[in-house]
Structures are given as structure tokens and as C-alpha cells.
C-alpha atoms as a PDB file:
ATOM      1  CA  MET A   1     -12.728 -15.805 -18.753  1.00  0.00           C
ATOM      2  CA  GLY A   2     -11.253 -12.225 -18.690  1.00  0.00           C
ATOM      3  CA  ASN A   3      -8.364 -10.017 -16.865  1.00  0.00           C
ATOM      4  CA  VAL A   4      -9.094  -9.394 -13.413  1.00  0.00           C
ATOM      5  CA  GLY A   5      -8.077  -6.599 -10.976  1.00  0.00           C
ATOM      6  CA  ILE A   6      -8.143  -6.679  -7.199  1.00  0.00           C
ATOM      7  CA  VAL A   7      -7.996  -3.371  -5.241  1.00  0.00           C
ATOM      8  CA  THR A   8      -7.493  -4.007  -1.217  1.00  0.00           C
ATOM      9  CA  GLY A   9      -9.294  -1.192   0.646  1.00  0.00           C
ATOM     10  CA  GLY A  10     -11.670  -0.774  -1.993  1.00  0.00           C
ATOM     11  CA  GLY A  11     -14.638   0.430  -0.144  1.00  0.00           C
ATOM     12  CA  ARG A  12     -13.135   3.707   1.000  1.00  0.00           C
ATOM     13  CA  GLY A  13     -10.614   6.595   1.081  1.00  0.00           C
ATOM     14  CA  MET A  14      -7.974   5.895  -1.212  1.00  0.00           C
ATOM     15  CA  GLY A  15      -8.568   2.244  -2.327  1.00  0.00           C
ATOM     16  CA  LEU A  16     -11.887   3.147  -3.506  1.00  0.00           C
ATOM     17  CA  SER A  17      -9.986   5.876  -5.343  1.00  0.00           C
ATOM     18  CA  CYS A  18      -7.865   3.449  -7.371  1.00  0.00           C
ATOM     19  CA  ALA A  19     -11.111   1.146  -8.353  1.00  0.00           C
ATOM     20  CA  GLU A  20     -12.303   3.886 -10.013  1.00  0.00           C
ATOM     21  CA  GLN A  21      -8.876   4.376 -11.460  1.00  0.00           C
ATOM     22  CA  MET A  22      -9.187   0.628 -12.590  1.00  0.00           C
ATOM     23  CA  VAL A  23     -12.795   0.448 -14.040  1.00  0.00           C
ATOM     24  CA  GLY A  24     -12.407   0.184 -18.000  1.00  0.00           C
ATOM     25  CA  THR A  25      -9.113  -1.623 -17.580  1.00  0.00           C
ATOM     26  CA  VAL A  26     -10.005  -5.223 -16.503  1.00  0.00           C
ATOM     27  CA  ASP A  27     -13.192  -7.551 -16.972  1.00  0.00           C
ATOM     28  CA  THR A  28     -13.680  -8.367 -13.508  1.00  0.00           C
ATOM     29  CA  LEU A  29     -12.318  -6.110 -10.566  1.00  0.00           C
ATOM     30  CA  LEU A  30     -12.381  -7.744  -6.543  1.00  0.00           C
ATOM     31  CA  LEU A  31     -12.893  -4.726  -4.108  1.00  0.00           C
ATOM     32  CA  VAL A  32     -11.355  -6.213  -0.517  1.00  0.00           C
ATOM     33  CA  ASP A  33     -12.182  -4.449   2.533  1.00  0.00           C
ATOM     34  CA  ILE A  34     -12.910  -6.203   5.902  1.00  0.00           C
ATOM     35  CA  ASP A  35     -16.061  -3.974   6.431  1.00  0.00           C
ATOM     36  CA  ASP A  36     -18.723  -6.347   4.190  1.00  0.00           C
ATOM     37  CA  THR A  37     -21.633  -2.944   4.084  1.00  0.00           C
ATOM     38  CA  SER A  38     -18.613  -0.332   2.944  1.00  0.00           C
ATOM     39  CA  ALA A  39     -17.587  -3.011   0.350  1.00  0.00           C
ATOM     40  CA  LYS A  40     -21.308  -3.955  -1.190  1.00  0.00           C
ATOM     41  CA  GLU A  41     -21.624  -0.392  -1.419  1.00  0.00           C
ATOM     42  CA  ALA A  42     -18.534   0.798  -2.962  1.00  0.00           C
ATOM     43  CA  ALA A  43     -19.550  -2.712  -5.618  1.00  0.00           C
ATOM     44  CA  ALA A  44     -22.571  -1.720  -6.514  1.00  0.00           C
ATOM     45  CA  GLN A  45     -21.497   1.754  -7.306  1.00  0.00           C
ATOM     46  CA  LEU A  46     -18.833   0.989  -9.633  1.00  0.00           C
ATOM     47  CA  SER A  47     -20.250  -1.928 -11.693  1.00  0.00           C
ATOM     48  CA  SER A  48     -20.714  -1.073 -15.146  1.00  0.00           C
ATOM     49  CA  ASP A  49     -20.789  -2.516 -18.194  1.00  0.00           C
ATOM     50  CA  ARG A  50     -17.025  -2.428 -19.219  1.00  0.00           C
ATOM     51  CA  THR A  51     -15.945  -4.225 -15.737  1.00  0.00           C
ATOM     52  CA  VAL A  52     -17.823  -6.027 -13.155  1.00  0.00           C
ATOM     53  CA  VAL A  53     -17.343  -5.085  -9.667  1.00  0.00           C
ATOM     54  CA  GLU A  54     -17.204  -7.311  -7.255  1.00  0.00           C
ATOM     55  CA  SER A  55     -16.735  -6.777  -3.413  1.00  0.00           C
ATOM     56  CA  PHE A  56     -14.783  -9.633  -1.181  1.00  0.00           C
ATOM     57  CA  VAL A  57     -14.798  -8.925   2.547  1.00  0.00           C
ATOM     58  CA  ALA A  58     -11.330  -9.966   3.772  1.00  0.00           C
ATOM     59  CA  ASP A  59      -8.784  -8.803   6.218  1.00  0.00           C
ATOM     60  CA  VAL A  60      -5.269  -8.998   4.516  1.00  0.00           C
ATOM     61  CA  GLY A  61      -3.770  -9.812   7.979  1.00  0.00           C
ATOM     62  CA  ASP A  62      -6.121 -13.115   7.496  1.00  0.00           C
ATOM     63  CA  ALA A  63      -3.582 -15.243   5.301  1.00  0.00           C
ATOM     64  CA  GLU A  64      -6.938 -17.693   4.819  1.00  0.00           C
ATOM     65  CA  ALA A  65      -8.947 -15.388   3.766  1.00  0.00           C
ATOM     66  CA  LEU A  66      -6.212 -14.121   1.025  1.00  0.00           C
ATOM     67  CA  GLY A  67      -6.200 -17.586  -0.235  1.00  0.00           C
ATOM     68  CA  ARG A  68      -9.636 -17.484  -1.244  1.00  0.00           C
ATOM     69  CA  LEU A  69      -9.206 -14.339  -2.701  1.00  0.00           C
ATOM     70  CA  ALA A  70      -6.632 -15.842  -4.846  1.00  0.00           C
ATOM     71  CA  ASP A  71      -8.885 -18.741  -5.794  1.00  0.00           C
ATOM     72  CA  ARG A  72     -11.666 -16.117  -7.043  1.00  0.00           C
ATOM     73  CA  ALA A  73      -9.465 -14.232  -9.265  1.00  0.00           C
ATOM     74  CA  ALA A  74      -8.104 -17.524 -10.979  1.00  0.00           C
ATOM     75  CA  GLU A  75     -11.639 -18.642 -11.235  1.00  0.00           C
ATOM     76  CA  LEU A  76     -12.473 -15.113 -13.387  1.00  0.00           C
ATOM     77  CA  GLY A  77      -9.429 -15.363 -15.165  1.00  0.00           C
ATOM     78  CA  THR A  78      -6.118 -13.993 -15.381  1.00  0.00           C
ATOM     79  CA  LEU A  79      -4.511 -11.417 -12.545  1.00  0.00           C
ATOM     80  CA  ARG A  80      -4.011  -7.947 -14.654  1.00  0.00           C
ATOM     81  CA  SER A  81      -3.620  -5.719 -12.108  1.00  0.00           C
ATOM     82  CA  VAL A  82      -3.229  -5.417  -8.073  1.00  0.00           C
ATOM     83  CA  ALA A  83      -3.386  -1.663  -5.828  1.00  0.00           C
ATOM     84  CA  HIS A  84      -2.911  -2.872  -2.398  1.00  0.00           C
ATOM     85  CA  ALA A  85      -3.969   0.516  -0.350  1.00  0.00           C
ATOM     86  CA  ALA A  86      -5.269  -1.754   2.664  1.00  0.00           C
ATOM     87  CA  GLY A  87      -3.727  -0.635   5.727  1.00  0.00           C
ATOM     88  CA  ILE A  88      -4.112   1.218   9.298  1.00  0.00           C
ATOM     89  CA  SER A  89      -2.441   3.778  10.719  1.00  0.00           C
ATOM     90  CA  PRO A  90      -0.995   4.914  13.722  1.00  0.00           C
ATOM     91  CA  THR A  91      -4.103   6.207  15.728  1.00  0.00           C
ATOM     92  CA  MET A  92      -5.657   2.955  15.004  1.00  0.00           C
ATOM     93  CA  ALA A  93      -4.225   0.202  16.663  1.00  0.00           C
ATOM     94  CA  ASP A  94      -1.428  -0.668  18.750  1.00  0.00           C
ATOM     95  CA  TRP A  95       2.251  -1.478  17.384  1.00  0.00           C
ATOM     96  CA  ARG A  96       1.705  -4.963  17.019  1.00  0.00           C
ATOM     97  CA  ARG A  97      -1.636  -5.120  15.057  1.00  0.00           C
ATOM     98  CA  ILE A  98       0.141  -2.077  12.837  1.00  0.00           C
ATOM     99  CA  VAL A  99       2.487  -4.253  11.568  1.00  0.00           C
ATOM    100  CA  SER A 100       0.647  -7.024  11.087  1.00  0.00           C
ATOM    101  CA  VAL A 101      -1.352  -5.524   9.072  1.00  0.00           C
ATOM    102  CA  ASP A 102       0.565  -3.149   7.185  1.00  0.00           C
ATOM    103  CA  LEU A 103       4.082  -4.834   6.631  1.00  0.00           C
ATOM    104  CA  VAL A 104       2.572  -8.345   7.216  1.00  0.00           C
ATOM    105  CA  GLY A 105      -0.111  -8.003   5.179  1.00  0.00           C
ATOM    106  CA  THR A 106       1.315  -6.653   2.419  1.00  0.00           C
ATOM    107  CA  ALA A 107       3.619 -10.175   2.018  1.00  0.00           C
ATOM    108  CA  LEU A 108       0.664 -12.483   2.509  1.00  0.00           C
ATOM    109  CA  LEU A 109      -0.968 -10.892  -0.019  1.00  0.00           C
ATOM    110  CA  ALA A 110       1.789 -11.011  -2.411  1.00  0.00           C
ATOM    111  CA  HIS A 111       2.422 -14.671  -1.057  1.00  0.00           C
ATOM    112  CA  ALA A 112      -1.181 -15.542  -1.934  1.00  0.00           C
ATOM    113  CA  LEU A 113      -1.350 -13.751  -5.815  1.00  0.00           C
ATOM    114  CA  ARG A 114       2.450 -14.696  -6.833  1.00  0.00           C
ATOM    115  CA  PRO A 115       0.980 -18.051  -8.396  1.00  0.00           C
ATOM    116  CA  LEU A 116      -1.527 -16.055 -10.674  1.00  0.00           C
ATOM    117  CA  ALA A 117       1.179 -13.936 -11.582  1.00  0.00           C
ATOM    118  CA  THR A 118       2.196 -13.697 -15.279  1.00  0.00           C
ATOM    119  CA  ALA A 119       3.244 -11.663 -18.506  1.00  0.00           C
ATOM    120  CA  GLY A 120       1.895  -8.505 -17.781  1.00  0.00           C
ATOM    121  CA  THR A 121       0.492  -8.492 -14.037  1.00  0.00           C
ATOM    122  CA  ALA A 122       1.443  -5.304 -12.154  1.00  0.00           C
ATOM    123  CA  MET A 123       1.200  -4.929  -8.412  1.00  0.00           C
ATOM    124  CA  VAL A 124       1.299  -1.731  -6.148  1.00  0.00           C
ATOM    125  CA  TYR A 125       1.310  -1.837  -2.632  1.00  0.00           C
ATOM    126  CA  PHE A 126       0.960   1.474  -0.661  1.00  0.00           C
ATOM    127  CA  ALA A 127       3.937   2.569   1.718  1.00  0.00           C
ATOM    128  CA  SER A 128       3.785   6.227   2.844  1.00  0.00           C
ATOM    129  CA  MET A 129       6.507   9.164   3.311  1.00  0.00           C
ATOM    130  CA  ALA A 130       6.614   8.812   6.958  1.00  0.00           C
ATOM    131  CA  PRO A 131      10.026   6.536   6.833  1.00  0.00           C
ATOM    132  CA  LEU A 132      11.256   9.512   4.787  1.00  0.00           C
ATOM    133  CA  ILE A 133      10.499  11.965   7.022  1.00  0.00           C
ATOM    134  CA  GLY A 134      11.973   9.873   9.978  1.00  0.00           C
ATOM    135  CA  GLN A 135      14.962   8.898   7.795  1.00  0.00           C
ATOM    136  CA  MET A 136      14.578   5.653   8.832  1.00  0.00           C
ATOM    137  CA  ASP A 137      17.987   3.769   8.071  1.00  0.00           C
ATOM    138  CA  PRO A 138      17.948  -0.115   9.429  1.00  0.00           C
ATOM    139  CA  SER A 139      21.267  -1.710   9.958  1.00  0.00           C
ATOM    140  CA  PRO A 140      21.754  -4.750   8.522  1.00  0.00           C
ATOM    141  CA  GLU A 141      21.103  -6.867  10.805  1.00  0.00           C
ATOM    142  CA  LEU A 142      17.376  -5.075  11.330  1.00  0.00           C
ATOM    143  CA  GLY A 143      17.171  -4.887   7.416  1.00  0.00           C
ATOM    144  CA  ALA A 144      17.279  -8.733   7.368  1.00  0.00           C
ATOM    145  CA  VAL A 145      14.624  -9.226   9.674  1.00  0.00           C
ATOM    146  CA  LEU A 146      12.477  -6.615   7.867  1.00  0.00           C
ATOM    147  CA  ASP A 147      12.846  -8.930   4.653  1.00  0.00           C
ATOM    148  CA  ASP A 148      11.189 -11.791   5.902  1.00  0.00           C
ATOM    149  CA  PRO A 149       7.903 -10.607   7.285  1.00  0.00           C
ATOM    150  CA  LEU A 150       6.880 -14.180   7.518  1.00  0.00           C
ATOM    151  CA  ASP A 151       8.561 -15.753   9.747  1.00  0.00           C
ATOM    152  CA  GLU A 152       6.804 -16.820  12.252  1.00  0.00           C
ATOM    153  CA  HIS A 153       8.456 -15.018  14.874  1.00  0.00           C
ATOM    154  CA  PHE A 154       9.124 -11.852  13.112  1.00  0.00           C
ATOM    155  CA  LEU A 155       7.061  -9.304  15.405  1.00  0.00           C
ATOM    156  CA  ASP A 156       9.120 -10.839  18.147  1.00  0.00           C
ATOM    157  CA  LYS A 157      12.812 -10.730  16.268  1.00  0.00           C
ATOM    158  CA  LEU A 158      11.575  -6.577  14.965  1.00  0.00           C
ATOM    159  CA  ARG A 159      11.057  -5.618  19.594  1.00  0.00           C
ATOM    160  CA  GLU A 160      14.158  -7.110  20.073  1.00  0.00           C
ATOM    161  CA  ILE A 161      16.240  -5.077  17.576  1.00  0.00           C
ATOM    162  CA  VAL A 162      14.191  -2.162  17.311  1.00  0.00           C
ATOM    163  CA  GLY A 163      13.634  -2.096  21.439  1.00  0.00           C
ATOM    164  CA  GLU A 164      10.684  -0.049  23.215  1.00  0.00           C
ATOM    165  CA  SER A 165      10.489   2.947  20.617  1.00  0.00           C
ATOM    166  CA  ILE A 166       8.735  -0.011  18.172  1.00  0.00           C
ATOM    167  CA  GLU A 167       5.889   0.681  20.465  1.00  0.00           C
ATOM    168  CA  GLN A 168       5.240   3.799  19.752  1.00  0.00           C
ATOM    169  CA  PRO A 169       2.885   3.524  17.257  1.00  0.00           C
ATOM    170  CA  GLY A 170       3.785   5.979  14.845  1.00  0.00           C
ATOM    171  CA  ILE A 171       7.200   4.168  14.823  1.00  0.00           C
ATOM    172  CA  ALA A 172       5.530   1.394  13.910  1.00  0.00           C
ATOM    173  CA  TYR A 173       4.209   2.654  11.094  1.00  0.00           C
ATOM    174  CA  SER A 174       7.332   4.156   9.910  1.00  0.00           C
ATOM    175  CA  TRP A 175       9.245   0.407   9.901  1.00  0.00           C
ATOM    176  CA  ALA A 176       6.549  -1.212   8.869  1.00  0.00           C
ATOM    177  CA  LYS A 177       6.042   1.251   5.635  1.00  0.00           C
ATOM    178  CA  HIS A 178       9.917   0.973   4.987  1.00  0.00           C
ATOM    179  CA  GLY A 179       9.328  -2.494   5.152  1.00  0.00           C
ATOM    180  CA  VAL A 180       6.672  -2.426   2.514  1.00  0.00           C
ATOM    181  CA  GLN A 181       9.209  -0.302   0.548  1.00  0.00           C
ATOM    182  CA  ARG A 182      11.566  -3.278   0.772  1.00  0.00           C
ATOM    183  CA  PHE A 183       9.549  -5.657  -0.185  1.00  0.00           C
ATOM    184  CA  ALA A 184       8.102  -4.053  -3.378  1.00  0.00           C
ATOM    185  CA  ARG A 185      11.547  -4.114  -4.656  1.00  0.00           C
ATOM    186  CA  THR A 186      12.089  -7.888  -3.540  1.00  0.00           C
ATOM    187  CA  GLU A 187       8.790  -8.814  -4.883  1.00  0.00           C
ATOM    188  CA  ALA A 188      10.153  -7.650  -8.151  1.00  0.00           C
ATOM    189  CA  ILE A 189      12.959  -9.220  -8.675  1.00  0.00           C
ATOM    190  CA  ARG A 190      10.409 -12.579  -7.616  1.00  0.00           C
ATOM    191  CA  LEU A 191       8.095 -11.452  -9.882  1.00  0.00           C
ATOM    192  CA  GLY A 192      10.994 -10.819 -12.670  1.00  0.00           C
ATOM    193  CA  ALA A 193      10.669 -14.335 -14.506  1.00  0.00           C
ATOM    194  CA  ALA A 194       7.247 -14.472 -15.083  1.00  0.00           C
ATOM    195  CA  GLY A 195       7.158 -10.640 -17.197  1.00  0.00           C
ATOM    196  CA  ALA A 196       5.100  -9.431 -13.992  1.00  0.00           C
ATOM    197  CA  ARG A 197       6.210  -6.334 -11.774  1.00  0.00           C
ATOM    198  CA  ALA A 198       5.790  -4.843  -8.534  1.00  0.00           C
ATOM    199  CA  ASN A 199       6.348  -1.372  -7.519  1.00  0.00           C
ATOM    200  CA  SER A 200       5.370   1.159  -4.433  1.00  0.00           C
ATOM    201  CA  VAL A 201       3.877   4.201  -3.656  1.00  0.00           C
ATOM    202  CA  SER A 202       4.628   6.508  -0.565  1.00  0.00           C
ATOM    203  CA  PRO A 203       1.101   8.944  -0.325  1.00  0.00           C
ATOM    204  CA  GLY A 204       1.973  12.436   1.355  1.00  0.00           C
ATOM    205  CA  LEU A 205      -0.577  14.191   3.315  1.00  0.00           C
ATOM    206  CA  ILE A 206      -3.908  13.000   1.319  1.00  0.00           C
ATOM    207  CA  ASP A 207      -6.949  14.358   2.232  1.00  0.00           C
ATOM    208  CA  THR A 208      -9.166  11.130   3.140  1.00  0.00           C
ATOM    209  CA  PRO A 209     -11.048  10.331   6.394  1.00  0.00           C
ATOM    210  CA  GLN A 210      -8.062   8.547   8.016  1.00  0.00           C
ATOM    211  CA  GLY A 211      -5.597  11.349   6.867  1.00  0.00           C
ATOM    212  CA  ARG A 212      -7.975  13.891   8.722  1.00  0.00           C
ATOM    213  CA  GLN A 213      -8.046  11.396  11.709  1.00  0.00           C
ATOM    214  CA  GLU A 214      -4.392  11.677  11.929  1.00  0.00           C
ATOM    215  CA  ALA A 215      -4.200  14.949  11.538  1.00  0.00           C
ATOM    216  CA  ALA A 216      -6.617  15.613  14.562  1.00  0.00           C
ATOM    217  CA  SER A 217      -3.683  13.794  16.941  1.00  0.00           C
ATOM    218  CA  ASN A 218      -0.633  14.948  15.245  1.00  0.00           C
ATOM    219  CA  PRO A 219      -0.018  18.755  15.319  1.00  0.00           C
ATOM    220  CA  ARG A 220       3.266  18.380  13.303  1.00  0.00           C
ATOM    221  CA  ILE A 221       0.629  17.286  10.292  1.00  0.00           C
ATOM    222  CA  ALA A 222      -0.453  21.013  10.720  1.00  0.00           C
ATOM    223  CA  ASP A 223       3.168  22.197   9.781  1.00  0.00           C
ATOM    224  CA  MET A 224       4.061  19.788   7.172  1.00  0.00           C
ATOM    225  CA  GLN A 225       0.873  20.936   5.034  1.00  0.00           C
ATOM    226  CA  ARG A 226       1.829  24.560   5.675  1.00  0.00           C
ATOM    227  CA  ALA A 227       5.077  23.142   4.257  1.00  0.00           C
ATOM    228  CA  THR A 228       3.995  21.773   1.389  1.00  0.00           C
ATOM    229  CA  PRO A 229       5.181  23.903  -1.531  1.00  0.00           C
ATOM    230  CA  LEU A 230       1.695  23.021  -3.190  1.00  0.00           C
ATOM    231  CA  GLY A 231       0.036  24.928  -0.522  1.00  0.00           C
ATOM    232  CA  ARG A 232      -2.262  22.219  -0.035  1.00  0.00           C
ATOM    233  CA  LEU A 233      -3.298  18.290   1.122  1.00  0.00           C
ATOM    234  CA  GLY A 234      -3.589  15.937  -2.165  1.00  0.00           C
ATOM    235  CA  GLN A 235      -6.739  14.254  -2.995  1.00  0.00           C
ATOM    236  CA  ALA A 236      -6.860  10.627  -3.144  1.00  0.00           C
ATOM    237  CA  ASP A 237      -7.874  10.800  -7.437  1.00  0.00           C
ATOM    238  CA  GLU A 238      -4.638  12.070  -7.278  1.00  0.00           C
ATOM    239  CA  LEU A 239      -2.585   9.772  -5.860  1.00  0.00           C
ATOM    240  CA  ALA A 240      -4.964   7.109  -7.719  1.00  0.00           C
ATOM    241  CA  LYS A 241      -3.691   8.180 -11.190  1.00  0.00           C
ATOM    242  CA  VAL A 242      -0.273   7.435 -10.274  1.00  0.00           C
ATOM    243  CA  VAL A 243      -1.262   3.685  -9.422  1.00  0.00           C
ATOM    244  CA  ALA A 244      -3.426   3.477 -12.236  1.00  0.00           C
ATOM    245  CA  PHE A 245      -0.099   4.424 -14.273  1.00  0.00           C
ATOM    246  CA  LEU A 246       1.918   2.241 -12.520  1.00  0.00           C
ATOM    247  CA  LEU A 247      -0.607  -0.588 -13.133  1.00  0.00           C
ATOM    248  CA  SER A 248      -0.970   0.596 -16.825  1.00  0.00           C
ATOM    249  CA  ASP A 249       1.031  -1.156 -19.829  1.00  0.00           C
ATOM    250  CA  GLY A 250       2.654   2.894 -19.862  1.00  0.00           C
ATOM    251  CA  ALA A 251       4.749   2.089 -17.241  1.00  0.00           C
ATOM    252  CA  SER A 252       5.710  -1.774 -18.584  1.00  0.00           C
ATOM    253  CA  PHE A 253       8.871  -0.943 -18.172  1.00  0.00           C
ATOM    254  CA  VAL A 254       8.595   0.892 -14.632  1.00  0.00           C
ATOM    255  CA  ASN A 255       9.881  -1.935 -11.708  1.00  0.00           C
ATOM    256  CA  GLY A 256      10.942  -1.850  -8.540  1.00  0.00           C
ATOM    257  CA  ILE A 257      10.821   1.553  -7.383  1.00  0.00           C
ATOM    258  CA  ASP A 258       8.842   3.492  -4.748  1.00  0.00           C
ATOM    259  CA  ILE A 259       7.044   6.528  -6.084  1.00  0.00           C
ATOM    260  CA  LEU A 260       6.511   9.364  -3.755  1.00  0.00           C
ATOM    261  CA  VAL A 261       3.571  11.425  -4.196  1.00  0.00           C
ATOM    262  CA  ASP A 262       3.070  14.375  -1.358  1.00  0.00           C
ATOM    263  CA  GLY A 263       3.286  17.524  -3.205  1.00  0.00           C
ATOM    264  CA  GLY A 264       6.705  18.134  -2.557  1.00  0.00           C
ATOM    265  CA  VAL A 265       6.528  18.068   1.216  1.00  0.00           C
ATOM    266  CA  MET A 266       9.685  15.864   1.182  1.00  0.00           C
ATOM    267  CA  ALA A 267      11.436  18.421  -1.296  1.00  0.00           C
ATOM    268  CA  ALA A 268      11.088  20.957   1.432  1.00  0.00           C
ATOM    269  CA  ILE A 269      12.221  19.075   4.567  1.00  0.00           C
ATOM    270  CA  ASN A 270      14.918  17.697   2.811  1.00  0.00           C
ATOM    271  CA  SER A 271      16.240  21.507   1.723  1.00  0.00           C
ATOM    272  CA  GLN A 272      15.690  22.352   5.354  1.00  0.00           C
ATOM    273  CA  ARG A 273      17.740  19.530   6.855  1.00  0.00           C
ATOM    274  CA  GLU A 274      20.407  20.409   4.186  1.00  0.00           C
ATOM    275  CA  LYS A 275      20.509  24.378   5.513  1.00  0.00           C
ATOM    276  CA  SER A 276      19.908  22.898   9.406  1.00  0.00           C
ATOM    277  CA  ALA A 277      23.649  20.818   8.360  1.00  0.00           C
ATOM    278  CA  SER A 278      25.676  23.580   6.905  1.00  0.00           C
END
């Protein structure tokens, strides 16, 4: 029995980079991915005398699979850290699937793991800068819906309030990720009594296969890259190091916030908006 970490989406991209950072911080690391081959290859690559890495195949939208994940974590020891990087982007699915994976999946994972949270447990959920770009500002009615993603009629309620624009994958993605940012705040309140923490991170333009796929279909991404003050894309390990800090004891009083990791592009966008408005 020892400390246990979990990384979802751990077979590739930002999830794999998070897993690399977490090796050595826990005794056993569960590498969760929907792709069995990727998960096994990554687990074999990362296992060491410092941390045993196990692959675990699961779809984060599958409550039963997440229940098995929680059971396995409990068998192995004390839950120490969770990096929830699994998600899908606008080019990958229709609006219902995007919201179901990115927001509902986050809530399902949190629900499954909540009973394991104890003093020192830390969780980080992946959001996005997309809601900031889109200036998502929900009405109280929409906010109430977003704050209850496990409602059995959640998707229908969301469609009813947002309207047909939610069927655009980019809009659905922005609302889903805004919901993740909100969820991290409310989960921090729920976990606080146990001495556990929850935060979210909002990546900007990060150089991953998924990011490159989005860039190929959205010319605005090239404009945002040019507007980034640092003049380049972020690297997955740069984001993973922020996640690693949030999961560490060094961040023991950081709770219920979202950290934007974007190379300054939102600062540039907001500055231009302020100039345009003046």
C-alpha cells in the first residue's frame, strides 16, 4: 500500500507529459486512456523503480468503468494526485459527444474518486482558454444548468437554454470547458472538508497532435499564434510542469482556481479588445 496517482488521457499528448512529471511523486500511477495500445506502451515506457505505472482502459464518459478505476486505486493505496487530461476538441465529434466527454466526463470522474479523497489529495481538471476567447458569460439560469452536469436531462436542458448555436462544435467546446472551470471551483468546496484540493488549468496553444489537428481546420489559430507575446506554441511539458506544481505539496494552499497557461495570448487579445472599445 502506498500513494496512488491517476492520469486520464495518459497515452499521448498533454496527458502523457503529465504522467512523466508524476513519476517519482507516487508509488503507483494509473495511466488511463481509451486506447489500450497507447496506454500499455506509455505504461511500459514510464515504469521505473520509483513508480509502478499501470495502464487502465476506460472511457471517461463511462460511469461503470470509472467505478472500476476508483476500486483499483483504493486497492493500491491512498489517492494522492489526479491529472484529468482526457478530452476531445471541436474537430473530433458532434456537440453532444464533446460536452459528454469534456464536462460530464469530468463530473463522473470526480464523483467516482470523491470518496477516496483525503488530506493531501489534489486534483487538476483540464479546461481551455476557449471560454475566455469566446467571453462565455452565462445567465444565472444557464449557470445553474452547467453546474449540474450529472442531471440525467443535462444535454437537453443545455440545448434548450443555449439554443441551436450549441450544435456548433466550437461553441459546445467553449461551454463545456467553461463548465469545467466552474466545476473545479465547486469541487474545491466539496473536497475542502477532507483536506483535499481541486483546481483547473486552461491551456493555450500547445503543440500536440490534437492541437495540430485543430489548427489545420481553424485559420484563427494561426492568427492567435502570431498574437502570442512569446511568439511560439507552448510545449506539452511546459503545461505538465504547471499541473505537477498544482498537484504538489508546494501548492498546498492553492485551491478552487483556474490557471491560464497560454504564453500571454489572452493578455494580447484583451489588450486589443480594450483598445477597440475605447
